[in-house]
PDB file of N, CA and C in Angstrom:
ATOM      1  N   UNK A   1      -6.028  10.886  -0.828  1.00  0.00           N
ATOM      2  CA  UNK A   1      -4.589  10.903  -0.855  1.00  0.00           C
ATOM      3  C   UNK A   1      -4.099  11.648   0.383  1.00  0.00           C
ATOM      4  N   UNK A   2      -3.088  11.137   1.035  1.00  0.00           N
ATOM      5  CA  UNK A   2      -2.540  11.816   2.197  1.00  0.00           C
ATOM      6  C   UNK A   2      -1.569  12.887   1.757  1.00  0.00           C
ATOM      7  N   UNK A   3      -1.233  13.778   2.669  1.00  0.00           N
ATOM      8  CA  UNK A   3      -0.329  14.857   2.298  1.00  0.00           C
ATOM      9  C   UNK A   3       1.069  14.350   1.985  1.00  0.00           C
ATOM     10  N   UNK A   4       1.424  13.137   2.414  1.00  0.00           N
ATOM     11  CA  UNK A   4       2.752  12.592   2.159  1.00  0.00           C
ATOM     12  C   UNK A   4       2.873  11.896   0.816  1.00  0.00           C
ATOM     13  N   UNK A   5       1.788  11.659   0.148  1.00  0.00           N
ATOM     14  CA  UNK A   5       1.821  10.874  -1.081  1.00  0.00           C
ATOM     15  C   UNK A   5       2.488  11.610  -2.232  1.00  0.00           C
ATOM     16  N   UNK A   6       2.605  12.915  -2.152  1.00  0.00           N
ATOM     17  CA  UNK A   6       3.157  13.666  -3.262  1.00  0.00           C
ATOM     18  C   UNK A   6       4.196  14.666  -2.759  1.00  0.00           C
ATOM     19  N   UNK A   7       5.248  14.171  -2.102  1.00  0.00           N
ATOM     20  CA  UNK A   7       6.244  15.034  -1.488  1.00  0.00           C
ATOM     21  C   UNK A   7       7.061  15.818  -2.498  1.00  0.00           C
ATOM     22  N   UNK A   8       7.229  15.312  -3.707  1.00  0.00           N
ATOM     23  CA  UNK A   8       8.082  15.978  -4.681  1.00  0.00           C
ATOM     24  C   UNK A   8       7.522  17.321  -5.134  1.00  0.00           C
ATOM     25  N   UNK A   9       6.243  17.575  -4.972  1.00  0.00           N
ATOM     26  CA  UNK A   9       5.652  18.827  -5.436  1.00  0.00           C
ATOM     27  C   UNK A   9       5.522  19.870  -4.330  1.00  0.00           C
ATOM     28  N   UNK A  10       5.890  19.499  -3.093  1.00  0.00           N
ATOM     29  CA  UNK A  10       5.773  20.418  -1.973  1.00  0.00           C
ATOM     30  C   UNK A  10       7.083  20.426  -1.197  1.00  0.00           C
ATOM     31  N   UNK A  11       7.327  21.515  -0.502  1.00  0.00           N
ATOM     32  CA  UNK A  11       8.459  21.577   0.409  1.00  0.00           C
ATOM     33  C   UNK A  11       7.965  21.236   1.801  1.00  0.00           C
ATOM     34  N   UNK A  12       8.099  19.979   2.185  1.00  0.00           N
ATOM     35  CA  UNK A  12       7.626  19.509   3.477  1.00  0.00           C
ATOM     36  C   UNK A  12       8.845  19.187   4.328  1.00  0.00           C
ATOM     37  N   UNK A  13       8.886  19.754   5.513  1.00  0.00           N
ATOM     38  CA  UNK A  13       9.993  19.494   6.432  1.00  0.00           C
ATOM     39  C   UNK A  13       9.854  18.090   7.016  1.00  0.00           C
ATOM     40  N   UNK A  14      10.976  17.511   7.442  1.00  0.00           N
ATOM     41  CA  UNK A  14      10.962  16.172   8.024  1.00  0.00           C
ATOM     42  C   UNK A  14      10.052  16.075   9.240  1.00  0.00           C
ATOM     43  N   UNK A  15       9.964  17.148  10.036  1.00  0.00           N
ATOM     44  CA  UNK A  15       9.124  17.082  11.230  1.00  0.00           C
ATOM     45  C   UNK A  15       7.630  17.130  10.892  1.00  0.00           C
ATOM     46  N   UNK A  16       7.286  17.385   9.620  1.00  0.00           N
ATOM     47  CA  UNK A  16       5.891  17.380   9.193  1.00  0.00           C
ATOM     48  C   UNK A  16       5.461  16.023   8.645  1.00  0.00           C
ATOM     49  N   UNK A  17       6.419  15.126   8.405  1.00  0.00           N
ATOM     50  CA  UNK A  17       6.100  13.821   7.833  1.00  0.00           C
ATOM     51  C   UNK A  17       5.440  12.928   8.870  1.00  0.00           C
ATOM     52  N   UNK A  18       4.597  12.043   8.393  1.00  0.00           N
ATOM     53  CA  UNK A  18       4.028  11.032   9.281  1.00  0.00           C
ATOM     54  C   UNK A  18       5.136  10.089   9.704  1.00  0.00           C
ATOM     55  N   UNK A  19       5.052   9.529  10.899  1.00  0.00           N
ATOM     56  CA  UNK A  19       6.058   8.541  11.307  1.00  0.00           C
ATOM     57  C   UNK A  19       5.854   7.244  10.520  1.00  0.00           C
ATOM     58  N   UNK A  20       6.915   6.462  10.438  1.00  0.00           N
ATOM     59  CA  UNK A  20       6.800   5.154   9.804  1.00  0.00           C
ATOM     60  C   UNK A  20       5.944   4.234  10.655  1.00  0.00           C
ATOM     61  N   UNK A  21       5.115   3.424  10.000  1.00  0.00           N
ATOM     62  CA  UNK A  21       4.447   2.305  10.652  1.00  0.00           C
ATOM     63  C   UNK A  21       4.905   1.048   9.916  1.00  0.00           C
ATOM     64  N   UNK A  22       4.955  -0.062  10.628  1.00  0.00           N
ATOM     65  CA  UNK A  22       5.319  -1.338  10.008  1.00  0.00           C
ATOM     66  C   UNK A  22       4.046  -2.087   9.651  1.00  0.00           C
ATOM     67  N   UNK A  23       3.982  -2.514   8.407  1.00  0.00           N
ATOM     68  CA  UNK A  23       2.785  -3.156   7.878  1.00  0.00           C
ATOM     69  C   UNK A  23       3.139  -4.552   7.375  1.00  0.00           C
ATOM     70  N   UNK A  24       2.392  -5.547   7.815  1.00  0.00           N
ATOM     71  CA  UNK A  24       2.505  -6.902   7.273  1.00  0.00           C
ATOM     72  C   UNK A  24       1.439  -7.029   6.199  1.00  0.00           C
ATOM     73  N   UNK A  25       1.872  -7.311   4.976  1.00  0.00           N
ATOM     74  CA  UNK A  25       0.993  -7.345   3.808  1.00  0.00           C
ATOM     75  C   UNK A  25       0.762  -8.811   3.429  1.00  0.00           C
ATOM     76  N   UNK A  26      -0.502  -9.236   3.422  1.00  0.00           N
ATOM     77  CA  UNK A  26      -0.872 -10.619   3.112  1.00  0.00           C
ATOM     78  C   UNK A  26      -1.334 -10.707   1.662  1.00  0.00           C
ATOM     79  N   UNK A  27      -0.781 -11.671   0.935  1.00  0.00           N
ATOM     80  CA  UNK A  27      -1.038 -11.814  -0.499  1.00  0.00           C
ATOM     81  C   UNK A  27      -1.591 -13.197  -0.831  1.00  0.00           C
ATOM     82  N   UNK A  28      -2.314 -13.251  -1.946  1.00  0.00           N
ATOM     83  CA  UNK A  28      -2.845 -14.519  -2.448  1.00  0.00           C
ATOM     84  C   UNK A  28      -2.805 -14.473  -3.968  1.00  0.00           C
ATOM     85  N   UNK A  29      -2.346 -15.569  -4.595  1.00  0.00           N
ATOM     86  CA  UNK A  29      -2.355 -15.606  -6.058  1.00  0.00           C
ATOM     87  C   UNK A  29      -3.683 -16.163  -6.556  1.00  0.00           C
ATOM     88  N   UNK A  30      -3.839 -16.253  -7.874  1.00  0.00           N
ATOM     89  CA  UNK A  30      -5.115 -16.686  -8.458  1.00  0.00           C
ATOM     90  C   UNK A  30      -5.451 -18.133  -8.126  1.00  0.00           C
ATOM     91  N   UNK A  31      -4.427 -18.932  -7.719  1.00  0.00           N
ATOM     92  CA  UNK A  31      -4.651 -20.332  -7.350  1.00  0.00           C
ATOM     93  C   UNK A  31      -4.826 -20.525  -5.845  1.00  0.00           C
ATOM     94  N   UNK A  32      -4.778 -19.439  -5.082  1.00  0.00           N
ATOM     95  CA  UNK A  32      -4.977 -19.525  -3.638  1.00  0.00           C
ATOM     96  C   UNK A  32      -3.704 -19.641  -2.821  1.00  0.00           C
ATOM     97  N   UNK A  33      -2.540 -19.689  -3.466  1.00  0.00           N
ATOM     98  CA  UNK A  33      -1.277 -19.758  -2.731  1.00  0.00           C
ATOM     99  C   UNK A  33      -1.056 -18.426  -2.018  1.00  0.00           C
ATOM    100  N   UNK A  34      -0.650 -18.500  -0.749  1.00  0.00           N
ATOM    101  CA  UNK A  34      -0.506 -17.301   0.059  1.00  0.00           C
ATOM    102  C   UNK A  34       0.954 -16.970   0.346  1.00  0.00           C
ATOM    103  N   UNK A  35       1.201 -15.705   0.613  1.00  0.00           N
ATOM    104  CA  UNK A  35       2.524 -15.217   0.974  1.00  0.00           C
ATOM    105  C   UNK A  35       2.322 -13.925   1.758  1.00  0.00           C
ATOM    106  N   UNK A  36       3.374 -13.397   2.319  1.00  0.00           N
ATOM    107  CA  UNK A  36       3.301 -12.112   3.012  1.00  0.00           C
ATOM    108  C   UNK A  36       4.685 -11.470   3.046  1.00  0.00           C
ATOM    109  N   UNK A  37       4.711 -10.175   3.306  1.00  0.00           N
ATOM    110  CA  UNK A  37       5.953  -9.463   3.565  1.00  0.00           C
ATOM    111  C   UNK A  37       5.658  -8.331   4.533  1.00  0.00           C
ATOM    112  N   UNK A  38       6.692  -7.846   5.186  1.00  0.00           N
ATOM    113  CA  UNK A  38       6.567  -6.734   6.121  1.00  0.00           C
ATOM    114  C   UNK A  38       7.386  -5.568   5.596  1.00  0.00           C
ATOM    115  N   UNK A  39       6.823  -4.362   5.697  1.00  0.00           N
ATOM    116  CA  UNK A  39       7.495  -3.176   5.176  1.00  0.00           C
ATOM    117  C   UNK A  39       7.133  -1.953   6.009  1.00  0.00           C
ATOM    118  N   UNK A  40       8.068  -1.010   6.150  1.00  0.00           N
ATOM    119  CA  UNK A  40       7.711   0.272   6.771  1.00  0.00           C
ATOM    120  C   UNK A  40       7.105   1.194   5.714  1.00  0.00           C
ATOM    121  N   UNK A  41       6.174   2.040   6.141  1.00  0.00           N
ATOM    122  CA  UNK A  41       5.546   2.979   5.211  1.00  0.00           C
ATOM    123  C   UNK A  41       5.109   4.215   5.994  1.00  0.00           C
ATOM    124  N   UNK A  42       5.194   5.375   5.370  1.00  0.00           N
ATOM    125  CA  UNK A  42       4.785   6.638   6.012  1.00  0.00           C
ATOM    126  C   UNK A  42       3.347   6.966   5.636  1.00  0.00           C
ATOM    127  N   UNK A  43       2.420   6.237   6.196  1.00  0.00           N
ATOM    128  CA  UNK A  43       0.992   6.482   6.007  1.00  0.00           C
ATOM    129  C   UNK A  43       0.284   6.229   7.326  1.00  0.00           C
ATOM    130  N   UNK A  44      -0.942   6.684   7.414  1.00  0.00           N
ATOM    131  CA  UNK A  44      -1.776   6.297   8.545  1.00  0.00           C
ATOM    132  C   UNK A  44      -2.198   4.844   8.340  1.00  0.00           C
ATOM    133  N   UNK A  45      -2.768   4.235   9.366  1.00  0.00           N
ATOM    134  CA  UNK A  45      -3.260   2.859   9.217  1.00  0.00           C
ATOM    135  C   UNK A  45      -4.296   2.778   8.105  1.00  0.00           C
ATOM    136  N   UNK A  46      -5.215   3.731   8.073  1.00  0.00           N
ATOM    137  CA  UNK A  46      -6.253   3.730   7.033  1.00  0.00           C
ATOM    138  C   UNK A  46      -5.639   3.964   5.656  1.00  0.00           C
ATOM    139  N   UNK A  47      -4.665   4.846   5.574  1.00  0.00           N
ATOM    140  CA  UNK A  47      -3.983   5.100   4.307  1.00  0.00           C
ATOM    141  C   UNK A  47      -3.264   3.863   3.796  1.00  0.00           C
ATOM    142  N   UNK A  48      -2.645   3.116   4.700  1.00  0.00           N
ATOM    143  CA  UNK A  48      -1.969   1.873   4.310  1.00  0.00           C
ATOM    144  C   UNK A  48      -2.984   0.848   3.801  1.00  0.00           C
ATOM    145  N   UNK A  49      -4.144   0.757   4.453  1.00  0.00           N
ATOM    146  CA  UNK A  49      -5.197  -0.154   3.990  1.00  0.00           C
ATOM    147  C   UNK A  49      -5.665   0.214   2.586  1.00  0.00           C
ATOM    148  N   UNK A  50      -5.923   1.509   2.379  1.00  0.00           N
ATOM    149  CA  UNK A  50      -6.367   1.956   1.055  1.00  0.00           C
ATOM    150  C   UNK A  50      -5.297   1.700  -0.006  1.00  0.00           C
ATOM    151  N   UNK A  51      -4.027   1.851   0.364  1.00  0.00           N
ATOM    152  CA  UNK A  51      -2.951   1.663  -0.599  1.00  0.00           C
ATOM    153  C   UNK A  51      -2.764   0.191  -0.980  1.00  0.00           C
ATOM    154  N   UNK A  52      -2.749  -0.707  -0.006  1.00  0.00           N
ATOM    155  CA  UNK A  52      -2.406  -2.102  -0.277  1.00  0.00           C
ATOM    156  C   UNK A  52      -3.589  -3.013  -0.601  1.00  0.00           C
ATOM    157  N   UNK A  53      -4.655  -2.982   0.190  1.00  0.00           N
ATOM    158  CA  UNK A  53      -5.733  -3.966   0.058  1.00  0.00           C
ATOM    159  C   UNK A  53      -6.423  -3.813  -1.296  1.00  0.00           C
ATOM    160  N   UNK A  54      -6.500  -4.942  -2.013  1.00  0.00           N
ATOM    161  CA  UNK A  54      -7.109  -4.959  -3.344  1.00  0.00           C
ATOM    162  C   UNK A  54      -6.118  -4.735  -4.473  1.00  0.00           C
ATOM    163  N   UNK A  55      -4.890  -4.388  -4.142  1.00  0.00           N
ATOM    164  CA  UNK A  55      -3.873  -4.091  -5.156  1.00  0.00           C
ATOM    165  C   UNK A  55      -3.130  -5.366  -5.566  1.00  0.00           C
ATOM    166  N   UNK A  56      -2.886  -5.503  -6.861  1.00  0.00           N
ATOM    167  CA  UNK A  56      -2.090  -6.609  -7.394  1.00  0.00           C
ATOM    168  C   UNK A  56      -0.628  -6.185  -7.392  1.00  0.00           C
ATOM    169  N   UNK A  57       0.242  -7.029  -6.836  1.00  0.00           N
ATOM    170  CA  UNK A  57       1.675  -6.754  -6.766  1.00  0.00           C
ATOM    171  C   UNK A  57       2.433  -7.842  -7.505  1.00  0.00           C
ATOM    172  N   UNK A  58       3.480  -7.447  -8.196  1.00  0.00           N
ATOM    173  CA  UNK A  58       4.310  -8.415  -8.909  1.00  0.00           C
ATOM    174  C   UNK A  58       5.396  -8.906  -7.962  1.00  0.00           C
ATOM    175  N   UNK A  59       5.279 -10.145  -7.507  1.00  0.00           N
ATOM    176  CA  UNK A  59       6.223 -10.717  -6.554  1.00  0.00           C
ATOM    177  C   UNK A  59       7.248 -11.615  -7.248  1.00  0.00           C
ATOM    178  N   UNK A  60       7.297 -11.589  -8.568  1.00  0.00           N
ATOM    179  CA  UNK A  60       8.211 -12.429  -9.327  1.00  0.00           C
ATOM    180  C   UNK A  60       9.653 -11.970  -9.222  1.00  0.00           C
ATOM    181  N   UNK A  61      10.570 -12.928  -9.357  1.00  0.00           N
ATOM    182  CA  UNK A  61      11.996 -12.624  -9.356  1.00  0.00           C
ATOM    183  C   UNK A  61      12.505 -12.597 -10.791  1.00  0.00           C
ATOM    184  N   UNK A  62      12.292 -13.656 -11.523  1.00  0.00           N
ATOM    185  CA  UNK A  62      12.694 -13.694 -12.931  1.00  0.00           C
ATOM    186  C   UNK A  62      11.499 -13.495 -13.859  1.00  0.00           C
ATOM    187  N   UNK A  63      10.387 -14.108 -13.534  1.00  0.00           N
ATOM    188  CA  UNK A  63       9.152 -13.958 -14.312  1.00  0.00           C
ATOM    189  C   UNK A  63       8.118 -13.234 -13.461  1.00  0.00           C
ATOM    190  N   UNK A  64       7.098 -12.694 -14.121  1.00  0.00           N
ATOM    191  CA  UNK A  64       6.018 -12.048 -13.395  1.00  0.00           C
ATOM    192  C   UNK A  64       5.263 -13.077 -12.560  1.00  0.00           C
ATOM    193  N   UNK A  65       4.945 -12.701 -11.333  1.00  0.00           N
ATOM    194  CA  UNK A  65       4.150 -13.548 -10.447  1.00  0.00           C
ATOM    195  C   UNK A  65       3.230 -12.619  -9.664  1.00  0.00           C
ATOM    196  N   UNK A  66       2.024 -12.445 -10.169  1.00  0.00           N
ATOM    197  CA  UNK A  66       1.088 -11.487  -9.620  1.00  0.00           C
ATOM    198  C   UNK A  66       0.341 -12.066  -8.429  1.00  0.00           C
ATOM    199  N   UNK A  67       0.311 -11.283  -7.351  1.00  0.00           N
ATOM    200  CA  UNK A  67      -0.409 -11.664  -6.139  1.00  0.00           C
ATOM    201  C   UNK A  67      -1.214 -10.455  -5.680  1.00  0.00           C
ATOM    202  N   UNK A  68      -2.404 -10.727  -5.129  1.00  0.00           N
ATOM    203  CA  UNK A  68      -3.295  -9.655  -4.697  1.00  0.00           C
ATOM    204  C   UNK A  68      -3.289  -9.556  -3.176  1.00  0.00           C
ATOM    205  N   UNK A  69      -3.169  -8.332  -2.682  1.00  0.00           N
ATOM    206  CA  UNK A  69      -3.238  -8.107  -1.239  1.00  0.00           C
ATOM    207  C   UNK A  69      -4.695  -8.244  -0.796  1.00  0.00           C
ATOM    208  N   UNK A  70      -4.921  -9.124   0.188  1.00  0.00           N
ATOM    209  CA  UNK A  70      -6.288  -9.296   0.679  1.00  0.00           C
ATOM    210  C   UNK A  70      -6.468  -8.754   2.090  1.00  0.00           C
ATOM    211  N   UNK A  71      -5.364  -8.465   2.800  1.00  0.00           N
ATOM    212  CA  UNK A  71      -5.465  -7.808   4.104  1.00  0.00           C
ATOM    213  C   UNK A  71      -4.091  -7.333   4.532  1.00  0.00           C
ATOM    214  N   UNK A  72      -4.080  -6.398   5.485  1.00  0.00           N
ATOM    215  CA  UNK A  72      -2.822  -5.970   6.099  1.00  0.00           C
ATOM    216  C   UNK A  72      -2.975  -6.037   7.609  1.00  0.00           C
ATOM    217  N   UNK A  73      -1.843  -6.076   8.284  1.00  0.00           N
ATOM    218  CA  UNK A  73      -1.819  -6.056   9.746  1.00  0.00           C
ATOM    219  C   UNK A  73      -0.773  -5.027  10.142  1.00  0.00           C
ATOM    220  N   UNK A  74      -1.128  -4.144  11.052  1.00  0.00           N
ATOM    221  CA  UNK A  74      -0.181  -3.153  11.551  1.00  0.00           C
ATOM    222  C   UNK A  74       0.611  -3.832  12.667  1.00  0.00           C
ATOM    223  N   UNK A  75       1.944  -3.775  12.549  1.00  0.00           N
ATOM    224  CA  UNK A  75       2.833  -4.377  13.543  1.00  0.00           C
ATOM    225  C   UNK A  75       3.219  -3.282  14.546  1.00  0.00           C
ATOM    226  N   UNK A  76       2.933  -3.510  15.801  1.00  0.00           N
ATOM    227  CA  UNK A  76       3.271  -2.509  16.842  1.00  0.00           C
ATOM    228  C   UNK A  76       4.513  -2.920  17.588  1.00  0.00           C
TER     229      UNK A  76
END
């Protein structure tokens, strides 16, 4: 876990936070349909990989639509 993952329990100044990185998250459902989204996150590249890759995310709007992250790309 990075030091930023639990900010509510510590008094961390803004200048101590990691900078935002932009991450493109690639998803695949159980039938092989693919999708992606891009998001900013305050983690290291390795921390972002550990957080997203292998995780199931609910991408549904009205009904549940579970998709698994199979890779990420750091956008520079």
